[in-house]
Amino acid sequence: MNEFALIQNYFKKLTYNNPSALDLNDDVFFDKKNNLVVSSDTYVEGIHFLNFKSPDLVIKKIIRSSISDLYCKGVKPKFIFIGASGNNISFSKKNMNLVYKSLKQEQKKFKFKLSGGDTTKSNQTVFTITSIGYSKKIVQRNKCKNNDDIYVTGNLGDSYLGLLLLKKKLFLRSTKQKKYFIQKYYKPDLPTIISSKLKNFANSSIDISDGLFGDLIKLINKSKLYFRLDLEKIPISSKLNTCLLKMNKKKLNFISKGDDYQILFTSSKSNRKYIKSLSKQMNQKVTLIGNLTNEIKSNQIIYNKKLLKHRYNEGYSHNFS
């Protein structure tokens, strides 16, 4: 049983009289009456982050990936609560001073307020972040429409290369390049500015945490639609493109691994000019990468005008079997 089966078979049944839970099929809880938006995420050492040897960077990654759940709904996070479990090694004075400095920097950058939480002793380092914002409206999952365009903000794949470098599965000679990709893994660039306008044009949205294809499937899972993506249009940085060419690696295997925290959204074709103009005005990269349709019966990835036939990565999932 994976995480989605667990939710579907057990926990979803308990929300039948709670419409704000959105059938446990979205990133957030949305109490429309009180304009309240809440998300909660847990991060476990060895699964969501490699180790706690760089606590100042790990806490930034955790905070940004958590508040990304609100930003992708078009909501600005206002308060966060932190639950932390660790031991005398992970919660040493040195580490806590580094965590304190990073949290202070993140509060200043994203304008949220640390508002509470809990601490417990544990052999394993674990964090749970609850993020809260307020909005009269959010952009939900599963509200896609037939013939919607598919867009993504920013670039994909830098973070995954950073993870491979940290795991020592890939090596780069350039210290400058290595630092760039590792920083992208720990400190993803959240598309905060365009998030504030998302409700004006997006029919549906999600942040890319588990991988482009897997998250796109989650985005459309109730819509009875299928995606057609152009691999050549999926945006990557010039630095990643250079590295892939040098290492003879496939772009497909880097843009589908997650940890990007960019916004993946769908919008009506009538919004194309507006989105293009807004992207330029806000200096935020937004790329049209494909469309949704009910005219095909399976998801498609096109490369050089040909349909890719081999299996592609559908994203990360927690399995409990």
Protein backbone atom coordinates (compact mmCIF):
# COMPACT_ATOMS: atom_id res chain seq x y z
CA MET A 1 0.00 0.00 0.00
CA ASN A 2 1.31 3.46 -0.91
CA GLU A 3 0.50 6.84 0.61
CA PHE A 4 -2.35 7.53 -1.81
CA ALA A 5 -4.05 4.18 -1.18
CA LEU A 6 -3.69 4.76 2.55
CA ILE A 7 -5.49 8.10 2.29
CA GLN A 8 -8.15 6.79 -0.08
CA ASN A 9 -8.97 3.60 1.84
CA TYR A 10 -8.85 4.90 5.41
CA PHE A 11 -8.55 8.61 6.10
CA LYS A 12 -10.73 10.03 3.32
CA LYS A 13 -13.79 8.28 4.77
CA LEU A 14 -13.43 10.32 7.95
CA THR A 15 -13.81 13.66 6.13
CA TYR A 16 -17.27 13.05 4.64
CA ASN A 17 -18.83 15.94 6.63
CA ASN A 18 -15.86 18.30 6.23
CA PRO A 19 -15.82 19.96 2.78
CA SER A 20 -12.86 22.12 3.83
CA ALA A 21 -10.69 18.98 3.73
CA LEU A 22 -11.17 18.94 -0.08
CA ASP A 23 -11.52 15.12 -0.01
CA LEU A 24 -7.87 14.95 1.13
CA ASN A 25 -7.06 15.39 -2.54
CA ASP A 26 -5.21 18.68 -2.47
CA ASP A 27 -2.16 20.29 -0.87
CA VAL A 28 -4.19 22.27 1.64
CA PHE A 29 -7.21 22.56 3.94
CA PHE A 30 -9.46 25.44 2.84
CA ASP A 31 -12.14 26.84 5.15
CA LYS A 32 -13.93 29.12 2.71
CA LYS A 33 -16.19 30.63 5.38
CA ASN A 34 -13.24 31.87 7.42
CA ASN A 35 -10.84 32.38 4.47
CA LEU A 36 -8.42 29.99 6.20
CA VAL A 37 -5.81 27.97 4.27
CA VAL A 38 -3.60 25.39 6.04
CA SER A 39 -0.97 22.88 4.92
CA SER A 40 1.07 20.38 6.94
CA ASP A 41 4.22 18.48 5.93
CA THR A 42 6.59 16.09 7.70
CA TYR A 43 10.28 15.73 6.79
CA VAL A 44 12.27 12.70 7.92
CA GLU A 45 16.06 12.44 7.93
CA GLY A 46 17.26 9.93 5.34
CA ILE A 47 14.06 10.26 3.29
CA HIS A 48 13.27 13.94 2.74
CA PHE A 49 16.80 15.16 3.46
CA LEU A 50 20.02 13.17 3.48
CA ASN A 51 21.28 14.11 6.93
CA PHE A 52 21.49 17.02 9.35
CA LYS A 53 25.14 17.90 8.75
CA SER A 54 24.15 21.25 7.22
CA PRO A 55 21.26 22.28 9.51
CA ASP A 56 21.22 25.85 8.21
CA LEU A 57 20.54 24.60 4.67
CA VAL A 58 18.24 21.71 5.62
CA ILE A 59 15.88 24.00 7.55
CA LYS A 60 15.68 26.36 4.56
CA LYS A 61 14.78 23.50 2.24
CA ILE A 62 12.12 22.27 4.68
CA ILE A 63 10.56 25.71 5.17
CA ARG A 64 10.48 26.52 1.44
CA SER A 65 9.04 23.17 0.43
CA SER A 66 6.32 23.59 3.06
CA ILE A 67 5.22 27.14 2.26
CA SER A 68 5.32 26.20 -1.43
CA ASP A 69 2.04 24.33 -0.81
CA LEU A 70 0.35 27.67 -0.13
CA TYR A 71 2.08 29.67 -2.84
CA CYS A 72 0.94 27.18 -5.51
CA LYS A 73 -2.65 27.82 -4.39
CA GLY A 74 -2.18 31.57 -4.86
CA VAL A 75 -1.96 32.14 -1.09
CA LYS A 76 0.72 33.98 0.88
CA PRO A 77 1.85 32.15 4.06
CA LYS A 78 1.41 34.25 7.18
CA PHE A 79 2.19 31.90 10.09
CA ILE A 80 4.19 28.70 10.47
CA PHE A 81 4.40 26.17 13.30
CA ILE A 82 7.39 23.85 13.67
CA GLY A 83 7.38 20.41 15.27
CA ALA A 84 10.94 19.16 15.78
CA SER A 85 12.27 15.78 16.96
CA GLY A 86 15.97 15.10 17.51
CA ASN A 87 18.73 14.26 19.97
CA ASN A 88 21.68 15.94 21.67
CA ILE A 89 23.74 15.65 18.46
CA SER A 90 21.21 17.07 15.99
CA PHE A 91 20.00 19.68 18.50
CA SER A 92 23.41 20.81 19.70
CA LYS A 93 23.97 24.49 20.50
CA LYS A 94 26.01 24.89 17.34
CA ASN A 95 23.27 23.40 15.16
CA MET A 96 20.50 25.36 16.86
CA ASN A 97 22.35 28.62 16.36
CA LEU A 98 22.61 27.83 12.65
CA VAL A 99 18.91 26.90 12.51
CA TYR A 100 17.99 30.11 14.34
CA LYS A 101 19.92 32.28 11.86
CA SER A 102 18.36 30.50 8.86
CA LEU A 103 14.84 30.79 10.24
CA LYS A 104 15.38 34.49 10.84
CA GLN A 105 16.53 34.92 7.24
CA GLU A 106 13.53 32.97 5.89
CA GLN A 107 11.10 35.00 8.00
CA LYS A 108 12.55 38.20 6.58
CA LYS A 109 12.54 36.91 3.00
CA PHE A 110 9.03 35.42 2.94
CA LYS A 111 7.36 37.63 5.58
CA PHE A 112 5.84 34.83 7.68
CA LYS A 113 5.85 34.63 11.49
CA LEU A 114 6.98 31.64 13.54
CA SER A 115 4.01 31.08 15.82
CA GLY A 116 4.49 27.87 17.79
CA GLY A 117 5.14 24.15 17.53
CA ASP A 118 6.49 21.29 19.60
CA THR A 119 9.82 19.61 20.41
CA THR A 120 10.48 15.99 21.34
CA LYS A 121 13.49 13.75 21.88
CA SER A 122 14.14 11.20 19.14
CA ASN A 123 17.00 9.18 17.67
CA GLN A 124 15.99 10.40 14.22
CA THR A 125 15.74 14.03 13.14
CA VAL A 126 12.19 14.85 12.04
CA PHE A 127 10.41 18.14 11.35
CA THR A 128 6.71 18.83 10.84
CA ILE A 129 5.79 22.24 9.42
CA THR A 130 2.27 23.67 9.50
CA SER A 131 1.77 26.71 7.26
CA ILE A 132 -1.22 29.05 7.53
CA GLY A 133 -2.51 31.77 5.21
CA TYR A 134 -5.75 33.60 4.49
CA SER A 135 -7.62 33.91 1.21
CA LYS A 136 -11.18 34.14 -0.10
CA LYS A 137 -10.27 31.84 -2.97
CA ILE A 138 -7.64 29.24 -3.85
CA VAL A 139 -6.59 27.46 -7.04
CA GLN A 140 -7.44 23.81 -6.44
CA ARG A 141 -6.26 20.58 -8.00
CA ASN A 142 -8.58 18.63 -10.30
CA LYS A 143 -10.32 21.70 -11.76
CA CYS A 144 -8.64 21.34 -15.14
CA LYS A 145 -10.67 21.85 -18.30
CA ASN A 146 -10.49 20.16 -21.67
CA ASN A 147 -7.98 21.87 -23.99
CA ASP A 148 -6.31 23.71 -21.11
CA ASP A 149 -2.71 24.78 -21.67
CA ILE A 150 -0.12 23.38 -19.24
CA TYR A 151 2.45 25.79 -17.79
CA VAL A 152 5.37 25.57 -15.40
CA THR A 153 7.28 28.39 -13.69
CA GLY A 154 11.07 28.61 -13.50
CA ASN A 155 13.41 25.76 -14.45
CA LEU A 156 13.33 22.06 -13.60
CA GLY A 157 16.10 19.58 -12.85
CA ASP A 158 18.75 21.69 -11.11
CA SER A 159 17.74 20.36 -7.71
CA TYR A 160 18.00 16.72 -8.78
CA LEU A 161 21.54 17.22 -10.06
CA GLY A 162 22.35 18.84 -6.72
CA LEU A 163 21.00 15.77 -4.92
CA LEU A 164 23.10 13.44 -7.08
CA LEU A 165 26.19 15.49 -6.24
CA LEU A 166 25.42 15.27 -2.52
CA LYS A 167 24.96 11.51 -2.84
CA LYS A 168 28.24 11.34 -4.77
CA LYS A 169 26.51 9.61 -7.67
CA LEU A 170 27.75 12.28 -10.08
CA PHE A 171 30.86 14.46 -10.06
CA LEU A 172 31.60 17.90 -11.50
CA ARG A 173 35.08 19.35 -11.84
CA SER A 174 33.91 22.93 -11.46
CA THR A 175 33.49 23.95 -7.80
CA LYS A 176 31.34 26.87 -8.94
CA GLN A 177 28.96 24.58 -10.85
CA LYS A 178 28.80 22.12 -7.97
CA LYS A 179 27.91 24.89 -5.53
CA TYR A 180 25.20 26.19 -7.88
CA PHE A 181 23.34 22.88 -8.11
CA ILE A 182 23.65 22.04 -4.41
CA GLN A 183 22.28 25.49 -3.55
CA LYS A 184 19.34 24.86 -5.89
CA TYR A 185 18.63 21.63 -3.99
CA TYR A 186 18.68 23.28 -0.57
CA LYS A 187 17.26 26.69 -1.52
CA PRO A 188 14.69 26.37 -4.32
CA ASP A 189 13.58 29.65 -5.92
CA LEU A 190 9.89 29.90 -5.08
CA PRO A 191 7.79 31.81 -7.67
CA THR A 192 6.25 34.01 -4.98
CA ILE A 193 5.49 37.10 -7.08
CA ILE A 194 3.41 35.45 -9.79
CA SER A 195 1.67 33.37 -7.13
CA SER A 196 -0.26 36.48 -6.09
CA LYS A 197 -1.84 36.66 -9.57
CA LEU A 198 -2.43 32.91 -10.00
CA LYS A 199 -6.14 33.09 -9.16
CA ASN A 200 -6.66 35.43 -12.13
CA PHE A 201 -5.85 32.84 -14.79
CA ALA A 202 -5.16 29.34 -13.43
CA ASN A 203 -7.89 26.69 -13.52
CA SER A 204 -5.84 24.23 -11.48
CA SER A 205 -2.40 24.14 -9.86
CA ILE A 206 0.11 22.16 -7.80
CA ASP A 207 3.74 22.61 -6.78
CA ILE A 208 6.33 20.24 -8.22
CA SER A 209 7.60 18.32 -5.22
CA ASP A 210 7.53 14.67 -6.29
CA GLY A 211 8.27 15.15 -10.01
CA LEU A 212 6.77 16.83 -13.07
CA PHE A 213 4.92 13.83 -14.47
CA GLY A 214 3.77 12.41 -11.15
CA ASP A 215 2.51 15.77 -9.93
CA LEU A 216 0.77 16.45 -13.24
CA ILE A 217 -1.07 13.15 -12.88
CA LYS A 218 -2.18 14.21 -9.38
CA LEU A 219 -3.28 17.56 -10.77
CA ILE A 220 -5.65 16.02 -13.32
CA ASN A 221 -6.57 12.74 -11.59
CA LYS A 222 -10.34 13.38 -11.45
CA SER A 223 -10.65 15.35 -14.66
CA LYS A 224 -10.83 12.43 -17.12
CA LEU A 225 -8.25 14.21 -19.24
CA TYR A 226 -4.77 13.28 -20.50
CA PHE A 227 -1.70 15.37 -20.99
CA ARG A 228 0.40 15.88 -24.10
CA LEU A 229 3.80 17.41 -23.28
CA ASP A 230 6.57 18.64 -25.57
CA LEU A 231 9.84 17.52 -23.96
CA GLU A 232 11.84 20.16 -25.84
CA LYS A 233 9.73 22.94 -24.30
CA ILE A 234 10.16 21.81 -20.69
CA PRO A 235 12.48 24.50 -19.26
CA ILE A 236 15.91 23.75 -17.81
CA SER A 237 18.71 26.15 -16.92
CA SER A 238 21.60 26.76 -19.30
CA LYS A 239 23.91 25.36 -16.60
CA LEU A 240 22.00 22.08 -16.45
CA ASN A 241 21.83 21.86 -20.24
CA THR A 242 25.61 22.27 -20.45
CA CYS A 243 26.19 19.55 -17.84
CA LEU A 244 23.78 17.11 -19.49
CA LEU A 245 25.56 17.52 -22.83
CA LYS A 246 28.98 16.99 -21.23
CA MET A 247 27.84 13.93 -19.25
CA ASN A 248 25.72 12.53 -22.10
CA LYS A 249 22.67 12.35 -19.80
CA LYS A 250 19.01 12.52 -20.84
CA LYS A 251 16.96 15.59 -19.99
CA LEU A 252 13.93 13.36 -19.36
CA ASN A 253 15.59 11.75 -16.36
CA PHE A 254 16.34 15.07 -14.66
CA ILE A 255 13.11 17.03 -15.12
CA SER A 256 10.96 14.29 -13.58
CA LYS A 257 12.56 13.70 -10.17
CA GLY A 258 11.01 16.47 -8.06
CA ASP A 259 12.28 18.87 -5.38
CA ASP A 260 11.82 21.76 -7.82
CA TYR A 261 8.96 23.53 -5.99
CA GLN A 262 7.91 25.41 -9.09
CA ILE A 263 4.23 25.95 -9.84
CA LEU A 264 2.60 23.64 -12.38
CA PHE A 265 -0.73 25.02 -13.55
CA THR A 266 -3.32 24.82 -16.30
CA SER A 267 -5.09 27.71 -17.95
CA SER A 268 -7.48 28.38 -20.82
CA LYS A 269 -5.95 29.16 -24.21
CA SER A 270 -7.63 32.57 -24.09
CA ASN A 271 -5.17 33.57 -21.33
CA ARG A 272 -2.00 33.02 -23.36
CA LYS A 273 -1.29 36.69 -24.13
CA TYR A 274 -2.07 37.74 -20.56
CA ILE A 275 0.23 35.10 -19.04
CA LYS A 276 3.03 35.97 -21.45
CA SER A 277 2.69 39.68 -20.65
CA LEU A 278 2.51 39.03 -16.89
CA SER A 279 5.56 36.80 -17.02
CA LYS A 280 7.57 39.55 -18.71
CA GLN A 281 6.22 42.26 -16.41
CA MET A 282 7.08 40.28 -13.26
CA ASN A 283 10.38 38.96 -14.61
CA GLN A 284 9.17 35.44 -13.81
CA LYS A 285 9.90 32.64 -16.26
CA VAL A 286 6.66 30.86 -17.22
CA THR A 287 6.71 28.24 -19.96
CA LEU A 288 3.89 26.68 -21.95
CA ILE A 289 4.86 22.98 -22.11
CA GLY A 290 1.78 21.18 -23.40
CA ASN A 291 -1.98 20.80 -23.20
CA LEU A 292 -4.77 18.65 -21.77
CA THR A 293 -7.27 16.82 -23.95
CA ASN A 294 -9.97 14.15 -23.86
CA GLU A 295 -9.17 13.15 -27.45
CA ILE A 296 -6.39 10.74 -26.43
CA LYS A 297 -6.59 7.78 -24.06
CA SER A 298 -3.16 7.93 -22.47
CA ASN A 299 -0.63 10.54 -21.40
CA GLN A 300 1.88 11.47 -24.09
CA ILE A 301 5.36 12.98 -24.20
CA ILE A 302 6.49 14.26 -27.59
CA TYR A 303 10.13 14.64 -28.61
CA ASN A 304 11.20 15.77 -32.10
CA LYS A 305 7.53 15.51 -33.11
CA LYS A 306 7.57 11.80 -32.22
CA LEU A 307 5.81 10.03 -29.37
CA LEU A 308 8.19 8.67 -26.74
CA LYS A 309 7.38 5.04 -26.14
CA HIS A 310 9.63 4.18 -23.22
CA ARG A 311 8.51 4.37 -19.60
CA TYR A 312 9.01 7.69 -17.82
CA ASN A 313 9.38 8.54 -14.15
CA GLU A 314 6.00 9.14 -12.50
CA GLY A 315 7.38 10.70 -9.34
CA TYR A 316 8.13 9.76 -5.77
CA SER A 317 5.63 7.92 -3.59
CA HIS A 318 5.90 6.56 -0.03
CA ASN A 319 5.20 2.81 -0.01
CA PHE A 320 4.25 0.94 3.16
CA SER A 321 4.15 -2.63 1.87
